[in-house]
Amino acid sequence: MEDLINLLSEYGLWIVFFGMIVEGTAVILLSGVLCHLGVLPCEETLIVAILGAIAGDQMWFYIGRNYAHSVLSKFPLLKEKVDALKSKVETKAKWLAMSSRFIYGGAIAIPLVLGIQRYSYKKFTLFDAIGTSLASMVGLTLGYMLSSSLKNITTQISKIEHFMLLLVIIVAIMSLYKYKKKLNKRKEDI
């Protein structure tokens, strides 16, 4: 365990950065736990998480904008479905760009679709930066709070375990006392 903590202390921010590019939700929650435990510094972790999320979203937006059209041309039915989304995407694009990190799977799908739909790069970058910043702050805070709550719960469980052990000992003593009393009564009856 100590080796893992040393590894996370040394390379944790890099893991957060690349983890946010690839996935995000689990990474940011675990980062909050690690911040609470003192393994990762909170401020740096937040900045790195935001940068990793933006980098990942930019990558998917770029792929959607520059490569998806050639792939879609090979799949006419899929292209029709993507084209049918165009009007819906146009009316809600800024909200989609801001909320992509709050929707499970949205971190990949939404930037990709916005890229395919040729949404404005500048607008995407602005709204995505706002959304990823908010999502990273919320996720880090939730992970931190969950870790704190988990610590309190385990402390309570420890107290409950001690109480249960005391209760088991008392029940065992009472059972032995009753058993001994029964044996003595049988001896007297014989």
C-alpha atoms as a PDB file:
ATOM      1  CA  MET A   1       0.000   0.000   0.000  1.00  0.00           C
ATOM      2  CA  GLU A   2       2.856   2.341   0.805  1.00  0.00           C
ATOM      3  CA  ASP A   3       4.334   1.765  -2.677  1.00  0.00           C
ATOM      4  CA  LEU A   4       0.998   2.659  -4.266  1.00  0.00           C
ATOM      5  CA  ILE A   5       0.754   5.870  -2.238  1.00  0.00           C
ATOM      6  CA  ASN A   6       4.322   6.800  -3.207  1.00  0.00           C
ATOM      7  CA  LEU A   7       3.516   6.108  -6.868  1.00  0.00           C
ATOM      8  CA  LEU A   8       0.351   8.226  -6.684  1.00  0.00           C
ATOM      9  CA  SER A   9       2.195  11.029  -4.893  1.00  0.00           C
ATOM     10  CA  GLU A  10       4.855  11.092  -7.597  1.00  0.00           C
ATOM     11  CA  TYR A  11       2.779  10.496 -10.753  1.00  0.00           C
ATOM     12  CA  GLY A  12      -0.765  11.193  -9.541  1.00  0.00           C
ATOM     13  CA  LEU A  13      -1.191  14.485 -11.376  1.00  0.00           C
ATOM     14  CA  TRP A  14      -0.149  12.868 -14.653  1.00  0.00           C
ATOM     15  CA  ILE A  15      -2.604  10.039 -13.999  1.00  0.00           C
ATOM     16  CA  VAL A  16      -5.340  12.619 -13.359  1.00  0.00           C
ATOM     17  CA  PHE A  17      -4.480  14.501 -16.563  1.00  0.00           C
ATOM     18  CA  PHE A  18      -4.538  11.457 -18.845  1.00  0.00           C
ATOM     19  CA  GLY A  19      -7.462   9.918 -16.958  1.00  0.00           C
ATOM     20  CA  MET A  20      -9.536  13.033 -17.595  1.00  0.00           C
ATOM     21  CA  ILE A  21      -8.715  12.820 -21.299  1.00  0.00           C
ATOM     22  CA  VAL A  22      -9.954   9.242 -21.465  1.00  0.00           C
ATOM     23  CA  GLU A  23     -12.795   8.994 -18.949  1.00  0.00           C
ATOM     24  CA  GLY A  24     -13.295  11.672 -16.339  1.00  0.00           C
ATOM     25  CA  THR A  25     -16.074  10.796 -13.901  1.00  0.00           C
ATOM     26  CA  ALA A  26     -14.363   8.065 -11.915  1.00  0.00           C
ATOM     27  CA  VAL A  27     -10.992   9.808 -12.200  1.00  0.00           C
ATOM     28  CA  ILE A  28     -12.201  13.089 -10.720  1.00  0.00           C
ATOM     29  CA  LEU A  29     -14.073  11.358  -7.879  1.00  0.00           C
ATOM     30  CA  LEU A  30     -11.024   9.262  -6.990  1.00  0.00           C
ATOM     31  CA  SER A  31      -8.879  12.383  -7.233  1.00  0.00           C
ATOM     32  CA  GLY A  32     -11.086  14.026  -4.607  1.00  0.00           C
ATOM     33  CA  VAL A  33     -10.604  11.012  -2.333  1.00  0.00           C
ATOM     34  CA  LEU A  34      -6.832  11.204  -2.832  1.00  0.00           C
ATOM     35  CA  CYS A  35      -6.901  14.944  -2.077  1.00  0.00           C
ATOM     36  CA  HIS A  36      -8.770  14.255   1.159  1.00  0.00           C
ATOM     37  CA  LEU A  37      -6.194  11.640   2.114  1.00  0.00           C
ATOM     38  CA  GLY A  38      -3.391  14.138   1.449  1.00  0.00           C
ATOM     39  CA  VAL A  39      -1.902  12.115  -1.410  1.00  0.00           C
ATOM     40  CA  LEU A  40      -2.635  14.792  -4.047  1.00  0.00           C
ATOM     41  CA  PRO A  41      -2.664  18.577  -3.614  1.00  0.00           C
ATOM     42  CA  CYS A  42      -6.203  19.952  -4.167  1.00  0.00           C
ATOM     43  CA  GLU A  43      -5.439  23.099  -6.146  1.00  0.00           C
ATOM     44  CA  GLU A  44      -2.997  21.467  -8.552  1.00  0.00           C
ATOM     45  CA  THR A  45      -5.283  18.466  -8.982  1.00  0.00           C
ATOM     46  CA  LEU A  46      -8.185  20.730  -9.929  1.00  0.00           C
ATOM     47  CA  ILE A  47      -6.122  22.623 -12.509  1.00  0.00           C
ATOM     48  CA  VAL A  48      -4.700  19.424 -14.014  1.00  0.00           C
ATOM     49  CA  ALA A  49      -8.168  17.824 -14.129  1.00  0.00           C
ATOM     50  CA  ILE A  50      -9.618  20.828 -15.974  1.00  0.00           C
ATOM     51  CA  LEU A  51      -6.734  20.872 -18.464  1.00  0.00           C
ATOM     52  CA  GLY A  52      -7.009  17.114 -19.055  1.00  0.00           C
ATOM     53  CA  ALA A  53     -10.770  17.337 -19.584  1.00  0.00           C
ATOM     54  CA  ILE A  54     -10.406  20.231 -22.032  1.00  0.00           C
ATOM     55  CA  ALA A  55      -7.641  18.386 -23.911  1.00  0.00           C
ATOM     56  CA  GLY A  56      -9.814  15.273 -24.213  1.00  0.00           C
ATOM     57  CA  ASP A  57     -12.851  17.221 -25.356  1.00  0.00           C
ATOM     58  CA  GLN A  58     -10.769  19.135 -27.911  1.00  0.00           C
ATOM     59  CA  MET A  59      -9.407  15.851 -29.242  1.00  0.00           C
ATOM     60  CA  TRP A  60     -12.910  14.378 -29.754  1.00  0.00           C
ATOM     61  CA  PHE A  61     -14.181  17.646 -31.273  1.00  0.00           C
ATOM     62  CA  TYR A  62     -11.225  17.642 -33.702  1.00  0.00           C
ATOM     63  CA  ILE A  63     -11.820  14.010 -34.657  1.00  0.00           C
ATOM     64  CA  GLY A  64     -15.517  14.694 -35.241  1.00  0.00           C
ATOM     65  CA  ARG A  65     -14.818  17.763 -37.326  1.00  0.00           C
ATOM     66  CA  ASN A  66     -11.975  16.369 -39.449  1.00  0.00           C
ATOM     67  CA  TYR A  67     -12.408  12.597 -39.716  1.00  0.00           C
ATOM     68  CA  ALA A  68     -15.980  11.596 -38.934  1.00  0.00           C
ATOM     69  CA  HIS A  69     -17.433  12.750 -42.265  1.00  0.00           C
ATOM     70  CA  SER A  70     -15.314  10.279 -44.237  1.00  0.00           C
ATOM     71  CA  VAL A  71     -16.334   7.483 -41.866  1.00  0.00           C
ATOM     72  CA  LEU A  72     -20.013   8.501 -42.006  1.00  0.00           C
ATOM     73  CA  SER A  73     -19.979   8.505 -45.819  1.00  0.00           C
ATOM     74  CA  LYS A  74     -19.372   4.742 -45.661  1.00  0.00           C
ATOM     75  CA  PHE A  75     -22.445   4.251 -43.449  1.00  0.00           C
ATOM     76  CA  PRO A  76     -25.422   6.008 -45.090  1.00  0.00           C
ATOM     77  CA  LEU A  77     -27.978   5.037 -42.424  1.00  0.00           C
ATOM     78  CA  LEU A  78     -25.777   6.359 -39.633  1.00  0.00           C
ATOM     79  CA  LYS A  79     -25.113   9.520 -41.642  1.00  0.00           C
ATOM     80  CA  GLU A  80     -28.874  10.076 -41.980  1.00  0.00           C
ATOM     81  CA  LYS A  81     -29.300   9.792 -38.202  1.00  0.00           C
ATOM     82  CA  VAL A  82     -26.442  12.199 -37.553  1.00  0.00           C
ATOM     83  CA  ASP A  83     -27.851  14.652 -40.110  1.00  0.00           C
ATOM     84  CA  ALA A  84     -31.277  14.417 -38.426  1.00  0.00           C
ATOM     85  CA  LEU A  85     -29.647  15.584 -35.177  1.00  0.00           C
ATOM     86  CA  LYS A  86     -28.365  18.774 -36.779  1.00  0.00           C
ATOM     87  CA  SER A  87     -31.326  21.028 -35.938  1.00  0.00           C
ATOM     88  CA  LYS A  88     -31.514  19.720 -32.369  1.00  0.00           C
ATOM     89  CA  VAL A  89     -27.790  20.159 -31.884  1.00  0.00           C
ATOM     90  CA  GLU A  90     -27.780  23.689 -33.298  1.00  0.00           C
ATOM     91  CA  THR A  91     -30.425  24.914 -30.846  1.00  0.00           C
ATOM     92  CA  LYS A  92     -28.803  23.334 -27.808  1.00  0.00           C
ATOM     93  CA  ALA A  93     -25.127  23.358 -28.776  1.00  0.00           C
ATOM     94  CA  LYS A  94     -23.841  25.697 -26.072  1.00  0.00           C
ATOM     95  CA  TRP A  95     -25.674  23.755 -23.356  1.00  0.00           C
ATOM     96  CA  LEU A  96     -24.400  20.481 -24.764  1.00  0.00           C
ATOM     97  CA  ALA A  97     -20.828  21.827 -24.802  1.00  0.00           C
ATOM     98  CA  MET A  98     -21.156  22.967 -21.166  1.00  0.00           C
ATOM     99  CA  SER A  99     -22.854  19.821 -19.902  1.00  0.00           C
ATOM    100  CA  SER A 100     -20.878  17.096 -21.677  1.00  0.00           C
ATOM    101  CA  ARG A 101     -18.867  16.246 -18.556  1.00  0.00           C
ATOM    102  CA  PHE A 102     -22.002  15.992 -16.437  1.00  0.00           C
ATOM    103  CA  ILE A 103     -23.540  13.329 -18.685  1.00  0.00           C
ATOM    104  CA  TYR A 104     -22.109   9.820 -18.467  1.00  0.00           C
ATOM    105  CA  GLY A 105     -20.548   9.066 -21.853  1.00  0.00           C
ATOM    106  CA  GLY A 106     -21.078  12.667 -22.899  1.00  0.00           C
ATOM    107  CA  ALA A 107     -17.390  13.525 -22.621  1.00  0.00           C
ATOM    108  CA  ILE A 108     -16.775  11.622 -25.848  1.00  0.00           C
ATOM    109  CA  ALA A 109     -20.117  11.681 -27.664  1.00  0.00           C
ATOM    110  CA  ILE A 110     -21.012  15.353 -27.333  1.00  0.00           C
ATOM    111  CA  PRO A 111     -17.704  16.879 -28.534  1.00  0.00           C
ATOM    112  CA  LEU A 112     -17.656  14.333 -31.352  1.00  0.00           C
ATOM    113  CA  VAL A 113     -21.191  15.227 -32.472  1.00  0.00           C
ATOM    114  CA  LEU A 114     -20.542  18.972 -32.160  1.00  0.00           C
ATOM    115  CA  GLY A 115     -17.439  18.511 -34.313  1.00  0.00           C
ATOM    116  CA  ILE A 116     -19.392  16.543 -36.889  1.00  0.00           C
ATOM    117  CA  GLN A 117     -22.039  19.280 -36.966  1.00  0.00           C
ATOM    118  CA  ARG A 118     -19.322  21.901 -37.584  1.00  0.00           C
ATOM    119  CA  TYR A 119     -20.159  23.842 -34.447  1.00  0.00           C
ATOM    120  CA  SER A 120     -17.992  26.938 -33.946  1.00  0.00           C
ATOM    121  CA  TYR A 121     -14.594  25.996 -32.555  1.00  0.00           C
ATOM    122  CA  LYS A 122     -14.360  29.210 -30.501  1.00  0.00           C
ATOM    123  CA  LYS A 123     -17.804  28.757 -28.978  1.00  0.00           C
ATOM    124  CA  PHE A 124     -17.117  25.089 -28.262  1.00  0.00           C
ATOM    125  CA  THR A 125     -13.850  25.922 -26.537  1.00  0.00           C
ATOM    126  CA  LEU A 126     -15.433  28.655 -24.394  1.00  0.00           C
ATOM    127  CA  PHE A 127     -18.499  26.689 -23.298  1.00  0.00           C
ATOM    128  CA  ASP A 128     -16.522  23.476 -22.892  1.00  0.00           C
ATOM    129  CA  ALA A 129     -13.980  25.241 -20.648  1.00  0.00           C
ATOM    130  CA  ILE A 130     -16.802  26.559 -18.468  1.00  0.00           C
ATOM    131  CA  GLY A 131     -18.455  23.141 -18.270  1.00  0.00           C
ATOM    132  CA  THR A 132     -15.284  21.167 -17.612  1.00  0.00           C
ATOM    133  CA  SER A 133     -14.256  23.641 -14.913  1.00  0.00           C
ATOM    134  CA  LEU A 134     -17.602  23.264 -13.161  1.00  0.00           C
ATOM    135  CA  ALA A 135     -17.655  19.486 -13.571  1.00  0.00           C
ATOM    136  CA  SER A 136     -14.108  19.170 -12.251  1.00  0.00           C
ATOM    137  CA  MET A 137     -14.873  21.342  -9.209  1.00  0.00           C
ATOM    138  CA  VAL A 138     -18.070  19.416  -8.457  1.00  0.00           C
ATOM    139  CA  GLY A 139     -16.432  16.010  -8.978  1.00  0.00           C
ATOM    140  CA  LEU A 140     -13.385  16.836  -6.882  1.00  0.00           C
ATOM    141  CA  THR A 141     -15.584  18.204  -4.099  1.00  0.00           C
ATOM    142  CA  LEU A 142     -17.858  15.148  -4.181  1.00  0.00           C
ATOM    143  CA  GLY A 143     -14.874  12.783  -4.029  1.00  0.00           C
ATOM    144  CA  TYR A 144     -13.424  14.786  -1.132  1.00  0.00           C
ATOM    145  CA  MET A 145     -16.739  14.748   0.734  1.00  0.00           C
ATOM    146  CA  LEU A 146     -17.348  11.051   0.044  1.00  0.00           C
ATOM    147  CA  SER A 147     -13.916  10.254   1.419  1.00  0.00           C
ATOM    148  CA  SER A 148     -14.632  12.308   4.523  1.00  0.00           C
ATOM    149  CA  SER A 149     -18.007  10.594   4.957  1.00  0.00           C
ATOM    150  CA  LEU A 150     -16.441   7.195   4.398  1.00  0.00           C
ATOM    151  CA  LYS A 151     -13.909   7.942   7.120  1.00  0.00           C
ATOM    152  CA  ASN A 152     -16.726   8.871   9.503  1.00  0.00           C
ATOM    153  CA  ILE A 153     -18.683   5.765   8.549  1.00  0.00           C
ATOM    154  CA  THR A 154     -15.712   3.478   9.146  1.00  0.00           C
ATOM    155  CA  THR A 155     -15.158   5.151  12.523  1.00  0.00           C
ATOM    156  CA  GLN A 156     -18.824   4.523  13.368  1.00  0.00           C
ATOM    157  CA  ILE A 157     -18.550   0.932  12.145  1.00  0.00           C
ATOM    158  CA  SER A 158     -15.537   0.464  14.389  1.00  0.00           C
ATOM    159  CA  LYS A 159     -17.573   1.712  17.362  1.00  0.00           C
ATOM    160  CA  ILE A 160     -20.469  -0.550  16.378  1.00  0.00           C
ATOM    161  CA  GLU A 161     -18.085  -3.511  16.075  1.00  0.00           C
ATOM    162  CA  HIS A 162     -16.822  -2.881  19.605  1.00  0.00           C
ATOM    163  CA  PHE A 163     -20.403  -2.622  20.880  1.00  0.00           C
ATOM    164  CA  MET A 164     -21.379  -5.834  19.039  1.00  0.00           C
ATOM    165  CA  LEU A 165     -18.366  -7.646  20.484  1.00  0.00           C
ATOM    166  CA  LEU A 166     -19.341  -6.501  23.983  1.00  0.00           C
ATOM    167  CA  LEU A 167     -22.920  -7.610  23.324  1.00  0.00           C
ATOM    168  CA  VAL A 168     -21.736 -11.048  22.110  1.00  0.00           C
ATOM    169  CA  ILE A 169     -19.577 -11.434  25.232  1.00  0.00           C
ATOM    170  CA  ILE A 170     -22.504 -10.497  27.511  1.00  0.00           C
ATOM    171  CA  VAL A 171     -24.848 -12.918  25.682  1.00  0.00           C
ATOM    172  CA  ALA A 172     -22.194 -15.653  25.879  1.00  0.00           C
ATOM    173  CA  ILE A 173     -21.709 -15.102  29.627  1.00  0.00           C
ATOM    174  CA  MET A 174     -25.467 -15.103  30.224  1.00  0.00           C
ATOM    175  CA  SER A 175     -25.854 -18.288  28.151  1.00  0.00           C
ATOM    176  CA  LEU A 176     -23.049 -20.003  30.086  1.00  0.00           C
ATOM    177  CA  TYR A 177     -24.621 -18.891  33.373  1.00  0.00           C
ATOM    178  CA  LYS A 178     -28.048 -20.284  32.310  1.00  0.00           C
ATOM    179  CA  TYR A 179     -26.444 -23.512  31.092  1.00  0.00           C
ATOM    180  CA  LYS A 180     -24.539 -23.925  34.364  1.00  0.00           C
ATOM    181  CA  LYS A 181     -27.696 -23.183  36.332  1.00  0.00           C
ATOM    182  CA  LYS A 182     -29.580 -25.851  34.320  1.00  0.00           C
ATOM    183  CA  LEU A 183     -26.825 -28.397  34.937  1.00  0.00           C
ATOM    184  CA  ASN A 184     -26.894 -27.669  38.675  1.00  0.00           C
ATOM    185  CA  LYS A 185     -30.689 -28.029  38.740  1.00  0.00           C
ATOM    186  CA  ARG A 186     -30.463 -31.425  36.954  1.00  0.00           C
ATOM    187  CA  LYS A 187     -27.875 -32.611  39.478  1.00  0.00           C
ATOM    188  CA  GLU A 188     -30.168 -31.605  42.307  1.00  0.00           C
ATOM    189  CA  ASP A 189     -33.135 -33.428  40.709  1.00  0.00           C
ATOM    190  CA  ILE A 190     -31.182 -36.663  40.388  1.00  0.00           C
END
